[in-house]
PDB file of N, CA and C in Angstrom:
ATOM      1  N   MET A   1     -32.056  78.140  39.989  1.00  0.00           N
ATOM      2  CA  MET A   1     -32.744  77.871  38.730  1.00  0.00           C
ATOM      3  C   MET A   1     -33.767  78.970  38.499  1.00  0.00           C
ATOM      4  N   SER A   2     -34.101  79.219  37.266  1.00  0.00           N
ATOM      5  CA  SER A   2     -35.051  80.274  36.933  1.00  0.00           C
ATOM      6  C   SER A   2     -36.463  79.835  37.310  1.00  0.00           C
ATOM      7  N   THR A   3     -37.394  80.755  37.107  1.00  0.00           N
ATOM      8  CA  THR A   3     -38.781  80.467  37.451  1.00  0.00           C
ATOM      9  C   THR A   3     -39.554  79.912  36.259  1.00  0.00           C
ATOM     10  N   GLN A   4     -38.862  79.456  35.220  1.00  0.00           N
ATOM     11  CA  GLN A   4     -39.563  78.894  34.066  1.00  0.00           C
ATOM     12  C   GLN A   4     -40.330  77.640  34.480  1.00  0.00           C
ATOM     13  N   SER A   5     -41.390  77.340  33.740  1.00  0.00           N
ATOM     14  CA  SER A   5     -42.186  76.160  34.042  1.00  0.00           C
ATOM     15  C   SER A   5     -41.405  74.896  33.683  1.00  0.00           C
ATOM     16  N   GLU A   6     -41.811  73.794  34.287  1.00  0.00           N
ATOM     17  CA  GLU A   6     -41.152  72.524  33.989  1.00  0.00           C
ATOM     18  C   GLU A   6     -41.280  72.159  32.507  1.00  0.00           C
ATOM     19  N   PRO A   7     -42.466  72.300  31.882  1.00  0.00           N
ATOM     20  CA  PRO A   7     -42.526  72.005  30.440  1.00  0.00           C
ATOM     21  C   PRO A   7     -41.590  72.907  29.622  1.00  0.00           C
ATOM     22  N   GLU A   8     -41.487  74.182  29.971  1.00  0.00           N
ATOM     23  CA  GLU A   8     -40.589  75.070  29.236  1.00  0.00           C
ATOM     24  C   GLU A   8     -39.134  74.649  29.443  1.00  0.00           C
ATOM     25  N   MET A   9     -38.793  74.254  30.664  1.00  0.00           N
ATOM     26  CA  MET A   9     -37.437  73.759  30.929  1.00  0.00           C
ATOM     27  C   MET A   9     -37.162  72.525  30.078  1.00  0.00           C
ATOM     28  N   LEU A  10     -38.122  71.618  30.015  1.00  0.00           N
ATOM     29  CA  LEU A  10     -37.928  70.404  29.228  1.00  0.00           C
ATOM     30  C   LEU A  10     -37.803  70.719  27.737  1.00  0.00           C
ATOM     31  N   ARG A  11     -38.593  71.662  27.245  1.00  0.00           N
ATOM     32  CA  ARG A  11     -38.488  72.062  25.839  1.00  0.00           C
ATOM     33  C   ARG A  11     -37.064  72.548  25.549  1.00  0.00           C
ATOM     34  N   LYS A  12     -36.518  73.362  26.452  1.00  0.00           N
ATOM     35  CA  LYS A  12     -35.146  73.856  26.285  1.00  0.00           C
ATOM     36  C   LYS A  12     -34.131  72.716  26.399  1.00  0.00           C
ATOM     37  N   ALA A  13     -34.414  71.744  27.255  1.00  0.00           N
ATOM     38  CA  ALA A  13     -33.511  70.595  27.396  1.00  0.00           C
ATOM     39  C   ALA A  13     -33.457  69.791  26.102  1.00  0.00           C
ATOM     40  N   TYR A  14     -34.613  69.566  25.470  1.00  0.00           N
ATOM     41  CA  TYR A  14     -34.627  68.844  24.194  1.00  0.00           C
ATOM     42  C   TYR A  14     -33.865  69.622  23.121  1.00  0.00           C
ATOM     43  N   GLU A  15     -34.063  70.929  23.071  1.00  0.00           N
ATOM     44  CA  GLU A  15     -33.340  71.759  22.097  1.00  0.00           C
ATOM     45  C   GLU A  15     -31.831  71.646  22.319  1.00  0.00           C
ATOM     46  N   ALA A  16     -31.417  71.734  23.581  1.00  0.00           N
ATOM     47  CA  ALA A  16     -29.984  71.657  23.901  1.00  0.00           C
ATOM     48  C   ALA A  16     -29.436  70.263  23.586  1.00  0.00           C
ATOM     49  N   PHE A  17     -30.204  69.213  23.879  1.00  0.00           N
ATOM     50  CA  PHE A  17     -29.770  67.853  23.553  1.00  0.00           C
ATOM     51  C   PHE A  17     -29.553  67.718  22.045  1.00  0.00           C
ATOM     52  N   ASN A  18     -30.504  68.183  21.251  1.00  0.00           N
ATOM     53  CA  ASN A  18     -30.388  68.084  19.798  1.00  0.00           C
ATOM     54  C   ASN A  18     -29.213  68.897  19.262  1.00  0.00           C
ATOM     55  N   ALA A  19     -28.847  69.968  19.963  1.00  0.00           N
ATOM     56  CA  ALA A  19     -27.697  70.797  19.576  1.00  0.00           C
ATOM     57  C   ALA A  19     -26.393  70.260  20.166  1.00  0.00           C
ATOM     58  N   ARG A  20     -26.497  69.163  20.936  1.00  0.00           N
ATOM     59  CA  ARG A  20     -25.345  68.526  21.594  1.00  0.00           C
ATOM     60  C   ARG A  20     -24.690  69.474  22.610  1.00  0.00           C
ATOM     61  N   GLU A  21     -25.506  70.297  23.247  1.00  0.00           N
ATOM     62  CA  GLU A  21     -25.038  71.202  24.296  1.00  0.00           C
ATOM     63  C   GLU A  21     -25.207  70.499  25.641  1.00  0.00           C
ATOM     64  N   ILE A  22     -24.287  69.576  25.916  1.00  0.00           N
ATOM     65  CA  ILE A  22     -24.402  68.714  27.096  1.00  0.00           C
ATOM     66  C   ILE A  22     -24.490  69.531  28.386  1.00  0.00           C
ATOM     67  N   ASP A  23     -23.621  70.507  28.555  1.00  0.00           N
ATOM     68  CA  ASP A  23     -23.607  71.263  29.810  1.00  0.00           C
ATOM     69  C   ASP A  23     -24.933  71.970  30.071  1.00  0.00           C
ATOM     70  N   ALA A  24     -25.576  72.467  29.018  1.00  0.00           N
ATOM     71  CA  ALA A  24     -26.868  73.141  29.183  1.00  0.00           C
ATOM     72  C   ALA A  24     -27.923  72.176  29.696  1.00  0.00           C
ATOM     73  N   VAL A  25     -27.909  70.929  29.184  1.00  0.00           N
ATOM     74  CA  VAL A  25     -28.888  69.944  29.643  1.00  0.00           C
ATOM     75  C   VAL A  25     -28.565  69.497  31.063  1.00  0.00           C
ATOM     76  N   LEU A  26     -27.305  69.215  31.324  1.00  0.00           N
ATOM     77  CA  LEU A  26     -26.921  68.759  32.669  1.00  0.00           C
ATOM     78  C   LEU A  26     -27.237  69.799  33.733  1.00  0.00           C
ATOM     79  N   ALA A  27     -27.180  71.082  33.382  1.00  0.00           N
ATOM     80  CA  ALA A  27     -27.495  72.150  34.344  1.00  0.00           C
ATOM     81  C   ALA A  27     -28.949  72.102  34.792  1.00  0.00           C
ATOM     82  N   MET A  28     -29.793  71.401  34.048  1.00  0.00           N
ATOM     83  CA  MET A  28     -31.210  71.270  34.400  1.00  0.00           C
ATOM     84  C   MET A  28     -31.476  70.035  35.244  1.00  0.00           C
ATOM     85  N   MET A  29     -30.424  69.282  35.558  1.00  0.00           N
ATOM     86  CA  MET A  29     -30.552  68.034  36.308  1.00  0.00           C
ATOM     87  C   MET A  29     -29.906  68.151  37.685  1.00  0.00           C
ATOM     88  N   LEU A  30     -30.416  67.373  38.618  1.00  0.00           N
ATOM     89  CA  LEU A  30     -29.756  67.243  39.915  1.00  0.00           C
ATOM     90  C   LEU A  30     -28.413  66.534  39.733  1.00  0.00           C
ATOM     91  N   PRO A  31     -27.449  66.788  40.594  1.00  0.00           N
ATOM     92  CA  PRO A  31     -26.160  66.095  40.490  1.00  0.00           C
ATOM     93  C   PRO A  31     -26.301  64.582  40.513  1.00  0.00           C
ATOM     94  N   ASP A  32     -27.297  64.055  41.242  1.00  0.00           N
ATOM     95  CA  ASP A  32     -27.478  62.603  41.353  1.00  0.00           C
ATOM     96  C   ASP A  32     -28.632  62.106  40.475  1.00  0.00           C
ATOM     97  N   VAL A  33     -28.856  62.755  39.347  1.00  0.00           N
ATOM     98  CA  VAL A  33     -29.949  62.395  38.446  1.00  0.00           C
ATOM     99  C   VAL A  33     -29.929  60.899  38.128  1.00  0.00           C
ATOM    100  N   ASP A  34     -31.110  60.344  37.973  1.00  0.00           N
ATOM    101  CA  ASP A  34     -31.304  58.928  37.642  1.00  0.00           C
ATOM    102  C   ASP A  34     -31.864  58.893  36.220  1.00  0.00           C
ATOM    103  N   TRP A  35     -31.083  58.366  35.273  1.00  0.00           N
ATOM    104  CA  TRP A  35     -31.391  58.472  33.842  1.00  0.00           C
ATOM    105  C   TRP A  35     -31.402  57.091  33.192  1.00  0.00           C
ATOM    106  N   PRO A  36     -32.316  56.835  32.252  1.00  0.00           N
ATOM    107  CA  PRO A  36     -32.332  55.537  31.592  1.00  0.00           C
ATOM    108  C   PRO A  36     -31.232  55.431  30.537  1.00  0.00           C
ATOM    109  N   ASN A  37     -30.661  54.259  30.415  1.00  0.00           N
ATOM    110  CA  ASN A  37     -29.712  53.981  29.341  1.00  0.00           C
ATOM    111  C   ASN A  37     -30.511  53.260  28.257  1.00  0.00           C
ATOM    112  N   GLY A  38     -31.097  54.042  27.368  1.00  0.00           N
ATOM    113  CA  GLY A  38     -31.960  53.493  26.335  1.00  0.00           C
ATOM    114  C   GLY A  38     -31.216  52.696  25.283  1.00  0.00           C
ATOM    115  N   MET A  39     -29.919  52.857  25.211  1.00  0.00           N
ATOM    116  CA  MET A  39     -29.132  52.183  24.181  1.00  0.00           C
ATOM    117  C   MET A  39     -28.633  50.819  24.653  1.00  0.00           C
ATOM    118  N   GLU A  40     -28.167  50.753  25.885  1.00  0.00           N
ATOM    119  CA  GLU A  40     -27.541  49.527  26.398  1.00  0.00           C
ATOM    120  C   GLU A  40     -28.369  48.837  27.478  1.00  0.00           C
ATOM    121  N   GLY A  41     -29.387  49.518  27.983  1.00  0.00           N
ATOM    122  CA  GLY A  41     -30.199  48.984  29.066  1.00  0.00           C
ATOM    123  C   GLY A  41     -29.694  49.443  30.419  1.00  0.00           C
ATOM    124  N   GLY A  42     -30.547  49.347  31.406  1.00  0.00           N
ATOM    125  CA  GLY A  42     -30.171  49.744  32.754  1.00  0.00           C
ATOM    126  C   GLY A  42     -30.355  51.237  32.995  1.00  0.00           C
ATOM    127  N   ARG A  43     -29.678  51.723  34.009  1.00  0.00           N
ATOM    128  CA  ARG A  43     -29.805  53.115  34.436  1.00  0.00           C
ATOM    129  C   ARG A  43     -28.413  53.739  34.524  1.00  0.00           C
ATOM    130  N   VAL A  44     -28.381  55.050  34.402  1.00  0.00           N
ATOM    131  CA  VAL A  44     -27.162  55.828  34.545  1.00  0.00           C
ATOM    132  C   VAL A  44     -27.410  56.796  35.703  1.00  0.00           C
ATOM    133  N   LEU A  45     -26.516  56.820  36.672  1.00  0.00           N
ATOM    134  CA  LEU A  45     -26.712  57.656  37.858  1.00  0.00           C
ATOM    135  C   LEU A  45     -25.663  58.761  37.904  1.00  0.00           C
ATOM    136  N   GLY A  46     -26.134  59.998  38.045  1.00  0.00           N
ATOM    137  CA  GLY A  46     -25.239  61.142  38.187  1.00  0.00           C
ATOM    138  C   GLY A  46     -24.955  61.845  36.870  1.00  0.00           C
ATOM    139  N   GLN A  47     -24.769  63.158  36.962  1.00  0.00           N
ATOM    140  CA  GLN A  47     -24.550  63.978  35.771  1.00  0.00           C
ATOM    141  C   GLN A  47     -23.354  63.517  34.941  1.00  0.00           C
ATOM    142  N   GLU A  48     -22.239  63.216  35.579  1.00  0.00           N
ATOM    143  CA  GLU A  48     -21.046  62.851  34.809  1.00  0.00           C
ATOM    144  C   GLU A  48     -21.222  61.521  34.086  1.00  0.00           C
ATOM    145  N   ASN A  49     -21.984  60.607  34.672  1.00  0.00           N
ATOM    146  CA  ASN A  49     -22.267  59.342  33.988  1.00  0.00           C
ATOM    147  C   ASN A  49     -23.233  59.544  32.820  1.00  0.00           C
ATOM    148  N   VAL A  50     -24.175  60.491  32.962  1.00  0.00           N
ATOM    149  CA  VAL A  50     -25.053  60.832  31.841  1.00  0.00           C
ATOM    150  C   VAL A  50     -24.217  61.441  30.717  1.00  0.00           C
ATOM    151  N   ARG A  51     -23.290  62.324  31.053  1.00  0.00           N
ATOM    152  CA  ARG A  51     -22.406  62.931  30.057  1.00  0.00           C
ATOM    153  C   ARG A  51     -21.642  61.832  29.284  1.00  0.00           C
ATOM    154  N   ALA A  52     -21.057  60.898  30.007  1.00  0.00           N
ATOM    155  CA  ALA A  52     -20.278  59.819  29.384  1.00  0.00           C
ATOM    156  C   ALA A  52     -21.178  58.950  28.507  1.00  0.00           C
ATOM    157  N   TYR A  53     -22.377  58.655  28.974  1.00  0.00           N
ATOM    158  CA  TYR A  53     -23.327  57.845  28.198  1.00  0.00           C
ATOM    159  C   TYR A  53     -23.676  58.537  26.886  1.00  0.00           C
ATOM    160  N   TRP A  54     -24.026  59.826  26.960  1.00  0.00           N
ATOM    161  CA  TRP A  54     -24.378  60.547  25.736  1.00  0.00           C
ATOM    162  C   TRP A  54     -23.206  60.609  24.763  1.00  0.00           C
ATOM    163  N   LYS A  55     -22.006  60.842  25.279  1.00  0.00           N
ATOM    164  CA  LYS A  55     -20.840  60.900  24.386  1.00  0.00           C
ATOM    165  C   LYS A  55     -20.625  59.565  23.677  1.00  0.00           C
ATOM    166  N   ARG A  56     -20.794  58.453  24.394  1.00  0.00           N
ATOM    167  CA  ARG A  56     -20.696  57.121  23.768  1.00  0.00           C
ATOM    168  C   ARG A  56     -21.783  56.951  22.714  1.00  0.00           C
ATOM    169  N   GLN A  57     -23.000  57.329  23.081  1.00  0.00           N
ATOM    170  CA  GLN A  57     -24.145  57.194  22.181  1.00  0.00           C
ATOM    171  C   GLN A  57     -23.897  57.970  20.890  1.00  0.00           C
ATOM    172  N   TRP A  58     -23.436  59.199  20.995  1.00  0.00           N
ATOM    173  CA  TRP A  58     -23.267  60.052  19.827  1.00  0.00           C
ATOM    174  C   TRP A  58     -22.096  59.614  18.948  1.00  0.00           C
ATOM    175  N   GLN A  59     -21.230  58.752  19.455  1.00  0.00           N
ATOM    176  CA  GLN A  59     -20.168  58.193  18.606  1.00  0.00           C
ATOM    177  C   GLN A  59     -20.711  57.077  17.715  1.00  0.00           C
ATOM    178  N   LEU A  60     -21.893  56.548  18.065  1.00  0.00           N
ATOM    179  CA  LEU A  60     -22.487  55.423  17.346  1.00  0.00           C
ATOM    180  C   LEU A  60     -23.707  55.800  16.506  1.00  0.00           C
ATOM    181  N   VAL A  61     -24.531  56.714  17.028  1.00  0.00           N
ATOM    182  CA  VAL A  61     -25.781  57.095  16.364  1.00  0.00           C
ATOM    183  C   VAL A  61     -26.030  58.588  16.546  1.00  0.00           C
ATOM    184  N   ASP A  62     -26.971  59.095  15.766  1.00  0.00           N
ATOM    185  CA  ASP A  62     -27.368  60.504  15.818  1.00  0.00           C
ATOM    186  C   ASP A  62     -28.846  60.586  16.174  1.00  0.00           C
ATOM    187  N   PRO A  63     -29.169  60.624  17.487  1.00  0.00           N
ATOM    188  CA  PRO A  63     -30.567  60.712  17.889  1.00  0.00           C
ATOM    189  C   PRO A  63     -31.061  62.168  17.903  1.00  0.00           C
ATOM    190  N   ARG A  64     -32.295  62.349  17.473  1.00  0.00           N
ATOM    191  CA  ARG A  64     -32.972  63.648  17.545  1.00  0.00           C
ATOM    192  C   ARG A  64     -34.319  63.412  18.211  1.00  0.00           C
ATOM    193  N   VAL A  65     -34.667  64.277  19.135  1.00  0.00           N
ATOM    194  CA  VAL A  65     -35.913  64.126  19.876  1.00  0.00           C
ATOM    195  C   VAL A  65     -36.665  65.458  19.865  1.00  0.00           C
ATOM    196  N   GLU A  66     -37.911  65.408  19.387  1.00  0.00           N
ATOM    197  CA  GLU A  66     -38.742  66.609  19.299  1.00  0.00           C
ATOM    198  C   GLU A  66     -39.986  66.416  20.168  1.00  0.00           C
ATOM    199  N   PRO A  67     -40.118  67.202  21.241  1.00  0.00           N
ATOM    200  CA  PRO A  67     -41.311  67.076  22.078  1.00  0.00           C
ATOM    201  C   PRO A  67     -42.551  67.561  21.335  1.00  0.00           C
ATOM    202  N   GLU A  68     -43.629  66.784  21.446  1.00  0.00           N
ATOM    203  CA  GLU A  68     -44.879  67.151  20.777  1.00  0.00           C
ATOM    204  C   GLU A  68     -45.959  67.573  21.757  1.00  0.00           C
ATOM    205  N   SER A  69     -45.944  67.004  22.969  1.00  0.00           N
ATOM    206  CA  SER A  69     -46.935  67.406  23.968  1.00  0.00           C
ATOM    207  C   SER A  69     -46.408  67.106  25.363  1.00  0.00           C
ATOM    208  N   PHE A  70     -46.962  67.825  26.329  1.00  0.00           N
ATOM    209  CA  PHE A  70     -46.578  67.693  27.731  1.00  0.00           C
ATOM    210  C   PHE A  70     -47.843  67.465  28.549  1.00  0.00           C
ATOM    211  N   ALA A  71     -47.792  66.494  29.475  1.00  0.00           N
ATOM    212  CA  ALA A  71     -48.935  66.217  30.342  1.00  0.00           C
ATOM    213  C   ALA A  71     -48.451  66.075  31.776  1.00  0.00           C
ATOM    214  N   CYS A  72     -49.157  66.736  32.681  1.00  0.00           N
ATOM    215  CA  CYS A  72     -48.839  66.595  34.106  1.00  0.00           C
ATOM    216  C   CYS A  72     -49.558  65.362  34.629  1.00  0.00           C
ATOM    217  N   GLU A  73     -48.808  64.487  35.297  1.00  0.00           N
ATOM    218  CA  GLU A  73     -49.345  63.241  35.825  1.00  0.00           C
ATOM    219  C   GLU A  73     -49.381  63.314  37.348  1.00  0.00           C
ATOM    220  N   ASP A  74     -49.895  62.256  37.961  1.00  0.00           N
ATOM    221  CA  ASP A  74     -49.888  62.158  39.418  1.00  0.00           C
ATOM    222  C   ASP A  74     -48.456  62.179  39.928  1.00  0.00           C
ATOM    223  N   ALA A  75     -48.295  62.538  41.171  1.00  0.00           N
ATOM    224  CA  ALA A  75     -46.994  62.555  41.854  1.00  0.00           C
ATOM    225  C   ALA A  75     -46.033  63.570  41.224  1.00  0.00           C
ATOM    226  N   GLY A  76     -46.581  64.577  40.514  1.00  0.00           N
ATOM    227  CA  GLY A  76     -45.751  65.645  39.992  1.00  0.00           C
ATOM    228  C   GLY A  76     -44.916  65.294  38.779  1.00  0.00           C
ATOM    229  N   ARG A  77     -45.198  64.173  38.155  1.00  0.00           N
ATOM    230  CA  ARG A  77     -44.437  63.795  36.958  1.00  0.00           C
ATOM    231  C   ARG A  77     -44.961  64.551  35.743  1.00  0.00           C
ATOM    232  N   ILE A  78     -44.061  64.790  34.806  1.00  0.00           N
ATOM    233  CA  ILE A  78     -44.422  65.359  33.507  1.00  0.00           C
ATOM    234  C   ILE A  78     -44.126  64.283  32.467  1.00  0.00           C
ATOM    235  N   VAL A  79     -45.122  63.944  31.647  1.00  0.00           N
ATOM    236  CA  VAL A  79     -44.918  62.983  30.571  1.00  0.00           C
ATOM    237  C   VAL A  79     -44.894  63.755  29.258  1.00  0.00           C
ATOM    238  N   VAL A  80     -43.829  63.514  28.498  1.00  0.00           N
ATOM    239  CA  VAL A  80     -43.634  64.197  27.229  1.00  0.00           C
ATOM    240  C   VAL A  80     -43.791  63.173  26.106  1.00  0.00           C
ATOM    241  N   ARG A  81     -44.641  63.480  25.160  1.00  0.00           N
ATOM    242  CA  ARG A  81     -44.773  62.661  23.948  1.00  0.00           C
ATOM    243  C   ARG A  81     -43.731  63.190  22.977  1.00  0.00           C
ATOM    244  N   VAL A  82     -42.832  62.309  22.550  1.00  0.00           N
ATOM    245  CA  VAL A  82     -41.649  62.714  21.810  1.00  0.00           C
ATOM    246  C   VAL A  82     -41.577  61.982  20.472  1.00  0.00           C
ATOM    247  N   HIS A  83     -41.276  62.735  19.413  1.00  0.00           N
ATOM    248  CA  HIS A  83     -40.971  62.124  18.119  1.00  0.00           C
ATOM    249  C   HIS A  83     -39.461  61.913  18.093  1.00  0.00           C
ATOM    250  N   GLN A  84     -39.060  60.663  18.039  1.00  0.00           N
ATOM    251  CA  GLN A  84     -37.642  60.297  18.083  1.00  0.00           C
ATOM    252  C   GLN A  84     -37.218  59.736  16.734  1.00  0.00           C
ATOM    253  N   VAL A  85     -36.151  60.321  16.198  1.00  0.00           N
ATOM    254  CA  VAL A  85     -35.543  59.815  14.968  1.00  0.00           C
ATOM    255  C   VAL A  85     -34.085  59.525  15.286  1.00  0.00           C
ATOM    256  N   VAL A  86     -33.676  58.288  15.059  1.00  0.00           N
ATOM    257  CA  VAL A  86     -32.290  57.882  15.289  1.00  0.00           C
ATOM    258  C   VAL A  86     -31.699  57.492  13.945  1.00  0.00           C
ATOM    259  N   ARG A  87     -30.592  58.127  13.618  1.00  0.00           N
ATOM    260  CA  ARG A  87     -29.888  57.839  12.361  1.00  0.00           C
ATOM    261  C   ARG A  87     -28.521  57.250  12.679  1.00  0.00           C
ATOM    262  N   ASP A  88     -28.017  56.443  11.754  1.00  0.00           N
ATOM    263  CA  ASP A  88     -26.637  56.014  11.901  1.00  0.00           C
ATOM    264  C   ASP A  88     -25.743  57.165  11.443  1.00  0.00           C
ATOM    265  N   LEU A  89     -24.445  56.987  11.552  1.00  0.00           N
ATOM    266  CA  LEU A  89     -23.531  58.084  11.235  1.00  0.00           C
ATOM    267  C   LEU A  89     -23.418  58.350   9.733  1.00  0.00           C
ATOM    268  N   ALA A  90     -24.000  57.459   8.920  1.00  0.00           N
ATOM    269  CA  ALA A  90     -24.069  57.676   7.471  1.00  0.00           C
ATOM    270  C   ALA A  90     -25.392  58.340   7.082  1.00  0.00           C
ATOM    271  N   ASP A  91     -26.194  58.728   8.084  1.00  0.00           N
ATOM    272  CA  ASP A  91     -27.455  59.453   7.924  1.00  0.00           C
ATOM    273  C   ASP A  91     -28.631  58.572   7.507  1.00  0.00           C
ATOM    274  N   SER A  92     -28.507  57.257   7.637  1.00  0.00           N
ATOM    275  CA  SER A  92     -29.637  56.361   7.366  1.00  0.00           C
ATOM    276  C   SER A  92     -30.501  56.256   8.615  1.00  0.00           C
ATOM    277  N   ILE A  93     -31.815  56.270   8.443  1.00  0.00           N
ATOM    278  CA  ILE A  93     -32.737  56.199   9.580  1.00  0.00           C
ATOM    279  C   ILE A  93     -32.771  54.783  10.137  1.00  0.00           C
ATOM    280  N   LEU A  94     -32.503  54.671  11.437  1.00  0.00           N
ATOM    281  CA  LEU A  94     -32.585  53.399  12.151  1.00  0.00           C
ATOM    282  C   LEU A  94     -33.923  53.262  12.866  1.00  0.00           C
ATOM    283  N   LEU A  95     -34.414  54.364  13.438  1.00  0.00           N
ATOM    284  CA  LEU A  95     -35.688  54.408  14.166  1.00  0.00           C
ATOM    285  C   LEU A  95     -36.377  55.722  13.843  1.00  0.00           C
ATOM    286  N   ASP A  96     -37.682  55.673  13.711  1.00  0.00           N
ATOM    287  CA  ASP A  96     -38.494  56.877  13.543  1.00  0.00           C
ATOM    288  C   ASP A  96     -39.834  56.549  14.179  1.00  0.00           C
ATOM    289  N   HIS A  97     -40.028  56.977  15.416  1.00  0.00           N
ATOM    290  CA  HIS A  97     -41.230  56.596  16.142  1.00  0.00           C
ATOM    291  C   HIS A  97     -41.554  57.596  17.241  1.00  0.00           C
ATOM    292  N   MET A  98     -42.710  57.379  17.841  1.00  0.00           N
ATOM    293  CA  MET A  98     -43.139  58.169  18.992  1.00  0.00           C
ATOM    294  C   MET A  98     -42.788  57.392  20.250  1.00  0.00           C
ATOM    295  N   VAL A  99     -42.381  58.117  21.268  1.00  0.00           N
ATOM    296  CA  VAL A  99     -42.023  57.506  22.539  1.00  0.00           C
ATOM    297  C   VAL A  99     -42.458  58.465  23.649  1.00  0.00           C
ATOM    298  N   GLY A 100     -42.628  57.929  24.830  1.00  0.00           N
ATOM    299  CA  GLY A 100     -42.950  58.756  25.985  1.00  0.00           C
ATOM    300  C   GLY A 100     -41.756  58.871  26.907  1.00  0.00           C
ATOM    301  N   HIS A 101     -41.545  60.055  27.425  1.00  0.00           N
ATOM    302  CA  HIS A 101     -40.516  60.302  28.433  1.00  0.00           C
ATOM    303  C   HIS A 101     -41.221  60.843  29.671  1.00  0.00           C
ATOM    304  N   SER A 102     -41.008  60.213  30.793  1.00  0.00           N
ATOM    305  CA  SER A 102     -41.612  60.628  32.053  1.00  0.00           C
ATOM    306  C   SER A 102     -40.532  61.239  32.945  1.00  0.00           C
ATOM    307  N   TYR A 103     -40.763  62.464  33.392  1.00  0.00           N
ATOM    308  CA  TYR A 103     -39.782  63.190  34.207  1.00  0.00           C
ATOM    309  C   TYR A 103     -40.313  63.422  35.610  1.00  0.00           C
ATOM    310  N   THR A 104     -39.436  63.255  36.578  1.00  0.00           N
ATOM    311  CA  THR A 104     -39.708  63.596  37.961  1.00  0.00           C
ATOM    312  C   THR A 104     -38.759  64.727  38.339  1.00  0.00           C
ATOM    313  N   PHE A 105     -39.286  65.736  39.000  1.00  0.00           N
ATOM    314  CA  PHE A 105     -38.498  66.900  39.401  1.00  0.00           C
ATOM    315  C   PHE A 105     -38.337  66.942  40.918  1.00  0.00           C
ATOM    316  N   ARG A 106     -37.236  67.491  41.354  1.00  0.00           N
ATOM    317  CA  ARG A 106     -37.002  67.760  42.769  1.00  0.00           C
ATOM    318  C   ARG A 106     -36.199  69.053  42.858  1.00  0.00           C
ATOM    319  N   ASP A 107     -36.635  69.943  43.718  1.00  0.00           N
ATOM    320  CA  ASP A 107     -35.948  71.226  43.911  1.00  0.00           C
ATOM    321  C   ASP A 107     -35.791  71.991  42.600  1.00  0.00           C
ATOM    322  N   GLY A 108     -36.788  71.874  41.704  1.00  0.00           N
ATOM    323  CA  GLY A 108     -36.786  72.625  40.462  1.00  0.00           C
ATOM    324  C   GLY A 108     -35.898  72.062  39.364  1.00  0.00           C
ATOM    325  N   LEU A 109     -35.326  70.875  39.591  1.00  0.00           N
ATOM    326  CA  LEU A 109     -34.438  70.254  38.605  1.00  0.00           C
ATOM    327  C   LEU A 109     -34.911  68.834  38.298  1.00  0.00           C
ATOM    328  N   ILE A 110     -34.447  68.302  37.173  1.00  0.00           N
ATOM    329  CA  ILE A 110     -34.802  66.937  36.789  1.00  0.00           C
ATOM    330  C   ILE A 110     -34.104  65.959  37.730  1.00  0.00           C
ATOM    331  N   ALA A 111     -34.896  65.115  38.387  1.00  0.00           N
ATOM    332  CA  ALA A 111     -34.357  64.107  39.304  1.00  0.00           C
ATOM    333  C   ALA A 111     -34.290  62.732  38.642  1.00  0.00           C
ATOM    334  N   ARG A 112     -35.235  62.469  37.721  1.00  0.00           N
ATOM    335  CA  ARG A 112     -35.315  61.145  37.099  1.00  0.00           C
ATOM    336  C   ARG A 112     -36.047  61.250  35.772  1.00  0.00           C
ATOM    337  N   MET A 113     -35.630  60.412  34.823  1.00  0.00           N
ATOM    338  CA  MET A 113     -36.356  60.279  33.565  1.00  0.00           C
ATOM    339  C   MET A 113     -36.537  58.795  33.296  1.00  0.00           C
ATOM    340  N   ASP A 114     -37.731  58.454  32.785  1.00  0.00           N
ATOM    341  CA  ASP A 114     -38.045  57.084  32.398  1.00  0.00           C
ATOM    342  C   ASP A 114     -38.564  57.097  30.968  1.00  0.00           C
ATOM    343  N   ILE A 115     -38.241  56.047  30.214  1.00  0.00           N
ATOM    344  CA  ILE A 115     -38.737  55.882  28.861  1.00  0.00           C
ATOM    345  C   ILE A 115     -39.978  55.005  28.933  1.00  0.00           C
ATOM    346  N   LEU A 116     -41.074  55.482  28.335  1.00  0.00           N
ATOM    347  CA  LEU A 116     -42.331  54.749  28.326  1.00  0.00           C
ATOM    348  C   LEU A 116     -42.509  54.091  26.967  1.00  0.00           C
ATOM    349  N   ASP A 117     -43.349  53.079  26.922  1.00  0.00           N
ATOM    350  CA  ASP A 117     -43.638  52.422  25.641  1.00  0.00           C
ATOM    351  C   ASP A 117     -44.215  53.427  24.665  1.00  0.00           C
ATOM    352  N   ALA A 118     -43.903  53.237  23.404  1.00  0.00           N
ATOM    353  CA  ALA A 118     -44.468  54.081  22.354  1.00  0.00           C
ATOM    354  C   ALA A 118     -45.967  53.845  22.297  1.00  0.00           C
ATOM    355  N   ASP A 119     -46.691  54.881  21.871  1.00  0.00           N
ATOM    356  CA  ASP A 119     -48.156  54.737  21.806  1.00  0.00           C
ATOM    357  C   ASP A 119     -48.634  54.315  20.459  1.00  0.00           C
TER     358      ASP A 119
END
């Protein structure tokens, strides 16, 4: 992995997610990444399961996430304040709110992400 900072890596991950560049985002994650299933509940484990989850999600809705701020927390976590807009496939807004995403890194890659309550 490059020597870019974790916030810069996350900024690029959000850009790639919004562009639907799955492989670019997955390359920033550990193979056994632990990811929240914000649509159906529970957790998704591993890059290929995250890929499958996103593909299912994008067949139903069009989520866009724009990071607004990054904060370093205890235990090496990075919390990102995110503006999230979710549209249906007819382009009607279903959600438009702020949410927190908490990331844990290991070996320079994303190991876990958690969704925090909106502020």
